N, C-alpha and C. Protein backbone atom coordinates (compact mmCIF):
# COMPACT_ATOMS: atom_id res chain seq x y z
N UNK A 1 99.78 104.73 94.00
CA UNK A 1 99.48 104.69 92.57
C UNK A 1 99.83 103.32 91.98
N UNK A 2 101.05 102.87 92.27
CA UNK A 2 101.48 101.59 91.71
C UNK A 2 100.61 100.45 92.23
N UNK A 3 100.15 100.56 93.48
CA UNK A 3 99.29 99.50 94.03
C UNK A 3 97.99 99.41 93.24
N UNK A 4 97.44 100.56 92.87
CA UNK A 4 96.20 100.56 92.10
C UNK A 4 96.43 99.92 90.74
N UNK A 5 97.54 100.24 90.11
CA UNK A 5 97.84 99.66 88.80
C UNK A 5 98.01 98.15 88.91
N UNK A 6 98.73 97.70 89.94
CA UNK A 6 98.96 96.27 90.10
C UNK A 6 97.65 95.54 90.35
N UNK A 7 96.75 96.15 91.14
CA UNK A 7 95.47 95.50 91.42
C UNK A 7 94.65 95.40 90.12
N UNK A 8 94.64 96.46 89.34
CA UNK A 8 93.89 96.44 88.10
C UNK A 8 94.47 95.39 87.15
N UNK A 9 95.79 95.28 87.11
CA UNK A 9 96.42 94.29 86.24
C UNK A 9 96.03 92.89 86.68
N UNK A 10 96.03 92.63 87.97
CA UNK A 10 95.67 91.30 88.48
C UNK A 10 94.20 91.00 88.17
N UNK A 11 93.34 91.99 88.31
CA UNK A 11 91.91 91.78 88.06
C UNK A 11 91.65 91.53 86.57
N UNK A 12 92.48 92.11 85.70
CA UNK A 12 92.28 91.96 84.26
C UNK A 12 92.94 90.70 83.71
N UNK A 13 93.83 90.09 84.47
CA UNK A 13 94.61 88.96 83.96
C UNK A 13 93.71 87.80 83.53
N UNK A 14 92.69 87.48 84.33
CA UNK A 14 91.81 86.36 83.99
C UNK A 14 91.07 86.58 82.68
N UNK A 15 90.29 87.65 82.56
CA UNK A 15 89.58 87.92 81.31
C UNK A 15 90.52 88.06 80.12
N UNK A 16 91.68 88.67 80.34
CA UNK A 16 92.64 88.85 79.25
C UNK A 16 93.16 87.49 78.78
N UNK A 17 93.44 86.60 79.72
CA UNK A 17 93.92 85.27 79.35
C UNK A 17 92.84 84.51 78.57
N UNK A 18 91.59 84.64 79.00
CA UNK A 18 90.50 83.96 78.29
C UNK A 18 90.36 84.52 76.88
N UNK A 19 90.46 85.84 76.76
CA UNK A 19 90.35 86.46 75.45
C UNK A 19 91.48 85.98 74.54
N UNK A 20 92.69 85.93 75.08
CA UNK A 20 93.84 85.48 74.29
C UNK A 20 93.66 84.02 73.87
N UNK A 21 93.13 83.19 74.78
CA UNK A 21 92.94 81.77 74.48
C UNK A 21 91.96 81.59 73.32
N UNK A 22 90.98 82.48 73.22
CA UNK A 22 89.99 82.40 72.14
C UNK A 22 90.53 83.01 70.85
N UNK A 23 91.23 84.14 70.99
CA UNK A 23 91.66 84.89 69.81
C UNK A 23 92.88 84.29 69.12
N UNK A 24 93.84 83.82 69.89
CA UNK A 24 95.10 83.34 69.30
C UNK A 24 94.90 82.21 68.29
N UNK A 25 94.14 81.16 68.62
CA UNK A 25 93.91 80.09 67.64
C UNK A 25 93.20 80.59 66.38
N UNK A 26 92.34 81.57 66.52
CA UNK A 26 91.63 82.11 65.36
C UNK A 26 92.57 82.90 64.47
N UNK A 27 93.51 83.62 65.09
CA UNK A 27 94.45 84.45 64.34
C UNK A 27 95.55 83.60 63.71
N UNK A 28 95.82 82.43 64.30
CA UNK A 28 96.89 81.56 63.81
C UNK A 28 96.33 80.17 63.54
N UNK A 29 95.60 79.98 62.46
CA UNK A 29 94.97 78.70 62.17
C UNK A 29 95.98 77.59 61.88
């Protein structure tokens, strides 16, 4: 179970980082 969660987290890290990079500057001008 934990392996599946860790894999999903690793797979989501890239898109999540990109989303944060776009959203953070907009939220904090």
